[in-house]
Amino acid sequence: MKKRTFIIITILLILAAVAAILWQTGVFAKIKNKVTDSDNSGSGTSSGSGSGTSTARNDNFPLKKGSYGKNVETLQTILNKYIKNYAKNGLSQFKYNGKVETSLVVDGDFGVRTNAALIWATGYDYVSSQTALNNLNAMVVT
């Protein structure tokens, strides 16, 4: 009986340690942000603006749906390079709601179209830092 109790307590301590590590590295926050972003639906205007986000609208990193400002304009310009160059090189084209899109409107508003284009280009729904934005720009296929 004592051995069984010891094993259960040991397992619980290991699980608590793993949870603490995940909490410190921000994994839970990333999972929460992905669920929140995927649950919000936007109105889908040509500017890429969306509605229904609970995030504060700012220009700070990470850039994600609901962000607004110069860094988002830079991201949209980079994504337009991806869209243009992928089409030019015969690679997979960016589609939004089943329709091929030739560009995003560069308005600094990180909405549903910008979000969809970022996921199409990178597989992620946010840009974590200025370095990540610079790396994204450097990787554009020409």
C-alpha atoms as a PDB file:
ATOM      1  CA  MET A   1       0.000   0.000   0.000  1.00  0.00           C
ATOM      2  CA  LYS A   2       2.798   2.421   0.873  1.00  0.00           C
ATOM      3  CA  LYS A   3       4.594   1.613  -2.370  1.00  0.00           C
ATOM      4  CA  ARG A   4       1.477   2.401  -4.414  1.00  0.00           C
ATOM      5  CA  THR A   5       1.007   5.732  -2.603  1.00  0.00           C
ATOM      6  CA  PHE A   6       4.664   6.599  -3.208  1.00  0.00           C
ATOM      7  CA  ILE A   7       4.303   5.871  -6.954  1.00  0.00           C
ATOM      8  CA  ILE A   8       1.133   7.980  -7.229  1.00  0.00           C
ATOM      9  CA  ILE A   9       2.739  10.911  -5.408  1.00  0.00           C
ATOM     10  CA  THR A  10       5.845  10.636  -7.604  1.00  0.00           C
ATOM     11  CA  ILE A  11       3.751  10.678 -10.784  1.00  0.00           C
ATOM     12  CA  LEU A  12       1.793  13.703  -9.547  1.00  0.00           C
ATOM     13  CA  LEU A  13       5.018  15.566  -8.759  1.00  0.00           C
ATOM     14  CA  ILE A  14       6.404  14.797 -12.222  1.00  0.00           C
ATOM     15  CA  LEU A  15       3.176  16.021 -13.851  1.00  0.00           C
ATOM     16  CA  ALA A  16       3.288  19.195 -11.748  1.00  0.00           C
ATOM     17  CA  ALA A  17       6.909  19.804 -12.801  1.00  0.00           C
ATOM     18  CA  VAL A  18       6.041  19.336 -16.484  1.00  0.00           C
ATOM     19  CA  ALA A  19       3.080  21.705 -16.136  1.00  0.00           C
ATOM     20  CA  ALA A  20       5.323  24.303 -14.464  1.00  0.00           C
ATOM     21  CA  ILE A  21       7.864  24.049 -17.287  1.00  0.00           C
ATOM     22  CA  LEU A  22       5.147  24.416 -19.924  1.00  0.00           C
ATOM     23  CA  TRP A  23       3.715  27.405 -18.052  1.00  0.00           C
ATOM     24  CA  GLN A  24       7.121  29.110 -17.862  1.00  0.00           C
ATOM     25  CA  THR A  25       7.833  28.587 -21.577  1.00  0.00           C
ATOM     26  CA  GLY A  26       4.469  30.051 -22.566  1.00  0.00           C
ATOM     27  CA  VAL A  27       3.112  26.919 -24.220  1.00  0.00           C
ATOM     28  CA  PHE A  28      -0.262  27.293 -22.499  1.00  0.00           C
ATOM     29  CA  ALA A  29      -0.548  30.924 -23.671  1.00  0.00           C
ATOM     30  CA  LYS A  30       0.246  29.926 -27.265  1.00  0.00           C
ATOM     31  CA  ILE A  31      -2.386  27.192 -27.183  1.00  0.00           C
ATOM     32  CA  LYS A  32      -4.931  29.627 -25.712  1.00  0.00           C
ATOM     33  CA  ASN A  33      -4.137  32.258 -28.380  1.00  0.00           C
ATOM     34  CA  LYS A  34      -4.560  29.735 -31.199  1.00  0.00           C
ATOM     35  CA  VAL A  35      -7.921  28.605 -29.833  1.00  0.00           C
ATOM     36  CA  THR A  36      -9.071  32.210 -29.348  1.00  0.00           C
ATOM     37  CA  ASP A  37      -7.948  33.278 -32.821  1.00  0.00           C
ATOM     38  CA  SER A  38      -9.489  30.273 -34.559  1.00  0.00           C
ATOM     39  CA  ASP A  39     -12.785  30.726 -32.714  1.00  0.00           C
ATOM     40  CA  ASN A  40     -13.183  34.364 -33.797  1.00  0.00           C
ATOM     41  CA  SER A  41     -14.805  34.972 -37.128  1.00  0.00           C
ATOM     42  CA  GLY A  42     -14.290  38.140 -39.100  1.00  0.00           C
ATOM     43  CA  SER A  43     -16.247  40.071 -41.659  1.00  0.00           C
ATOM     44  CA  GLY A  44     -13.644  39.517 -44.405  1.00  0.00           C
ATOM     45  CA  THR A  45     -13.251  42.853 -46.123  1.00  0.00           C
ATOM     46  CA  SER A  46     -10.627  43.386 -48.798  1.00  0.00           C
ATOM     47  CA  SER A  47      -8.506  45.243 -46.263  1.00  0.00           C
ATOM     48  CA  GLY A  48      -8.225  42.098 -44.189  1.00  0.00           C
ATOM     49  CA  SER A  49     -10.029  43.551 -41.203  1.00  0.00           C
ATOM     50  CA  GLY A  50     -11.884  41.234 -38.900  1.00  0.00           C
ATOM     51  CA  SER A  51     -14.290  41.552 -36.030  1.00  0.00           C
ATOM     52  CA  GLY A  52     -14.849  39.731 -32.809  1.00  0.00           C
ATOM     53  CA  THR A  53     -11.308  39.715 -31.454  1.00  0.00           C
ATOM     54  CA  SER A  54     -10.668  40.291 -27.792  1.00  0.00           C
ATOM     55  CA  THR A  55      -7.039  41.315 -28.214  1.00  0.00           C
ATOM     56  CA  ALA A  56      -5.909  44.885 -27.683  1.00  0.00           C
ATOM     57  CA  ARG A  57      -5.234  46.586 -31.003  1.00  0.00           C
ATOM     58  CA  ASN A  58      -1.603  47.603 -30.977  1.00  0.00           C
ATOM     59  CA  ASP A  59       1.594  47.377 -32.980  1.00  0.00           C
ATOM     60  CA  ASN A  60       3.551  45.321 -30.448  1.00  0.00           C
ATOM     61  CA  PHE A  61       4.833  41.808 -30.986  1.00  0.00           C
ATOM     62  CA  PRO A  62       3.528  39.224 -31.245  1.00  0.00           C
ATOM     63  CA  LEU A  63       1.597  40.381 -34.292  1.00  0.00           C
ATOM     64  CA  LYS A  64      -1.666  38.487 -34.508  1.00  0.00           C
ATOM     65  CA  LYS A  65      -5.273  38.932 -35.532  1.00  0.00           C
ATOM     66  CA  GLY A  66      -6.427  42.226 -34.053  1.00  0.00           C
ATOM     67  CA  SER A  67      -3.003  43.925 -34.178  1.00  0.00           C
ATOM     68  CA  TYR A  68      -2.794  47.257 -35.955  1.00  0.00           C
ATOM     69  CA  GLY A  69       0.017  49.573 -37.077  1.00  0.00           C
ATOM     70  CA  LYS A  70       3.275  49.956 -38.992  1.00  0.00           C
ATOM     71  CA  ASN A  71       4.590  46.486 -38.165  1.00  0.00           C
ATOM     72  CA  VAL A  72       1.390  44.995 -39.587  1.00  0.00           C
ATOM     73  CA  GLU A  73       1.835  47.118 -42.735  1.00  0.00           C
ATOM     74  CA  THR A  74       5.342  45.687 -43.053  1.00  0.00           C
ATOM     75  CA  LEU A  75       3.967  42.158 -42.598  1.00  0.00           C
ATOM     76  CA  GLN A  76       1.282  42.757 -45.250  1.00  0.00           C
ATOM     77  CA  THR A  77       3.921  44.079 -47.674  1.00  0.00           C
ATOM     78  CA  ILE A  78       6.040  40.964 -47.075  1.00  0.00           C
ATOM     79  CA  LEU A  79       3.007  38.696 -47.549  1.00  0.00           C
ATOM     80  CA  ASN A  80       2.237  40.487 -50.832  1.00  0.00           C
ATOM     81  CA  LYS A  81       5.768  39.585 -51.984  1.00  0.00           C
ATOM     82  CA  TYR A  82       5.043  35.944 -51.120  1.00  0.00           C
ATOM     83  CA  ILE A  83       1.719  36.044 -52.978  1.00  0.00           C
ATOM     84  CA  LYS A  84       3.243  37.680 -56.077  1.00  0.00           C
ATOM     85  CA  ASN A  85       6.373  35.541 -56.217  1.00  0.00           C
ATOM     86  CA  TYR A  86       4.640  32.231 -55.553  1.00  0.00           C
ATOM     87  CA  ALA A  87       2.223  32.920 -58.417  1.00  0.00           C
ATOM     88  CA  LYS A  88       5.072  34.077 -60.686  1.00  0.00           C
ATOM     89  CA  ASN A  89       7.069  30.905 -59.980  1.00  0.00           C
ATOM     90  CA  GLY A  90       4.100  28.572 -60.466  1.00  0.00           C
ATOM     91  CA  LEU A  91       3.916  27.576 -56.802  1.00  0.00           C
ATOM     92  CA  SER A  92       0.747  27.216 -54.759  1.00  0.00           C
ATOM     93  CA  GLN A  93      -1.321  30.390 -54.863  1.00  0.00           C
ATOM     94  CA  PHE A  94      -2.916  32.069 -51.872  1.00  0.00           C
ATOM     95  CA  LYS A  95      -6.649  31.420 -51.715  1.00  0.00           C
ATOM     96  CA  TYR A  96      -9.140  33.000 -49.361  1.00  0.00           C
ATOM     97  CA  ASN A  97     -12.594  31.406 -49.173  1.00  0.00           C
ATOM     98  CA  GLY A  98     -11.733  29.348 -52.256  1.00  0.00           C
ATOM     99  CA  LYS A  99     -10.841  32.399 -54.376  1.00  0.00           C
ATOM    100  CA  VAL A 100      -7.292  33.112 -55.570  1.00  0.00           C
ATOM    101  CA  GLU A 101      -6.116  36.391 -54.081  1.00  0.00           C
ATOM    102  CA  THR A 102      -3.500  38.454 -55.912  1.00  0.00           C
ATOM    103  CA  SER A 103      -2.639  40.754 -52.996  1.00  0.00           C
ATOM    104  CA  LEU A 104      -3.591  42.073 -49.592  1.00  0.00           C
ATOM    105  CA  VAL A 105      -4.527  45.686 -49.000  1.00  0.00           C
ATOM    106  CA  VAL A 106      -1.685  47.210 -46.984  1.00  0.00           C
ATOM    107  CA  ASP A 107      -3.666  49.058 -44.324  1.00  0.00           C
ATOM    108  CA  GLY A 108      -1.952  47.981 -41.101  1.00  0.00           C
ATOM    109  CA  ASP A 109      -5.009  46.021 -39.927  1.00  0.00           C
ATOM    110  CA  PHE A 110      -4.259  42.364 -39.085  1.00  0.00           C
ATOM    111  CA  GLY A 111      -7.618  40.852 -39.964  1.00  0.00           C
ATOM    112  CA  VAL A 112      -8.871  37.561 -41.313  1.00  0.00           C
ATOM    113  CA  ARG A 113      -7.247  37.866 -44.761  1.00  0.00           C
ATOM    114  CA  THR A 114      -3.864  38.801 -43.317  1.00  0.00           C
ATOM    115  CA  ASN A 115      -4.239  35.918 -40.869  1.00  0.00           C
ATOM    116  CA  ALA A 116      -5.107  33.484 -43.658  1.00  0.00           C
ATOM    117  CA  ALA A 117      -2.187  34.713 -45.805  1.00  0.00           C
ATOM    118  CA  LEU A 118       0.253  34.342 -42.916  1.00  0.00           C
ATOM    119  CA  ILE A 119      -0.919  30.795 -42.231  1.00  0.00           C
ATOM    120  CA  TRP A 120      -0.645  30.030 -45.960  1.00  0.00           C
ATOM    121  CA  ALA A 121       2.911  31.396 -46.146  1.00  0.00           C
ATOM    122  CA  THR A 122       4.297  30.152 -42.819  1.00  0.00           C
ATOM    123  CA  GLY A 123       1.918  27.721 -41.143  1.00  0.00           C
ATOM    124  CA  TYR A 124       1.653  30.077 -38.142  1.00  0.00           C
ATOM    125  CA  ASP A 125      -1.049  32.579 -37.171  1.00  0.00           C
ATOM    126  CA  TYR A 126       1.262  35.092 -35.497  1.00  0.00           C
ATOM    127  CA  VAL A 127       4.680  36.734 -35.837  1.00  0.00           C
ATOM    128  CA  SER A 128       6.523  36.516 -32.538  1.00  0.00           C
ATOM    129  CA  SER A 129       9.191  39.219 -32.875  1.00  0.00           C
ATOM    130  CA  GLN A 130      10.948  41.753 -35.077  1.00  0.00           C
ATOM    131  CA  THR A 131      13.574  39.092 -35.804  1.00  0.00           C
ATOM    132  CA  ALA A 132      10.870  36.689 -36.993  1.00  0.00           C
ATOM    133  CA  LEU A 133       9.437  39.435 -39.225  1.00  0.00           C
ATOM    134  CA  ASN A 134      12.901  40.122 -40.666  1.00  0.00           C
ATOM    135  CA  ASN A 135      13.471  36.391 -41.246  1.00  0.00           C
ATOM    136  CA  LEU A 136      10.118  36.125 -42.998  1.00  0.00           C
ATOM    137  CA  ASN A 137      11.151  38.962 -45.307  1.00  0.00           C
ATOM    138  CA  ALA A 138      14.533  37.327 -46.000  1.00  0.00           C
ATOM    139  CA  MET A 139      12.894  34.039 -46.987  1.00  0.00           C
ATOM    140  CA  VAL A 140      10.666  35.399 -49.758  1.00  0.00           C
ATOM    141  CA  VAL A 141      11.054  33.255 -52.886  1.00  0.00           C
ATOM    142  CA  THR A 142      12.214  35.447 -55.771  1.00  0.00           C
END
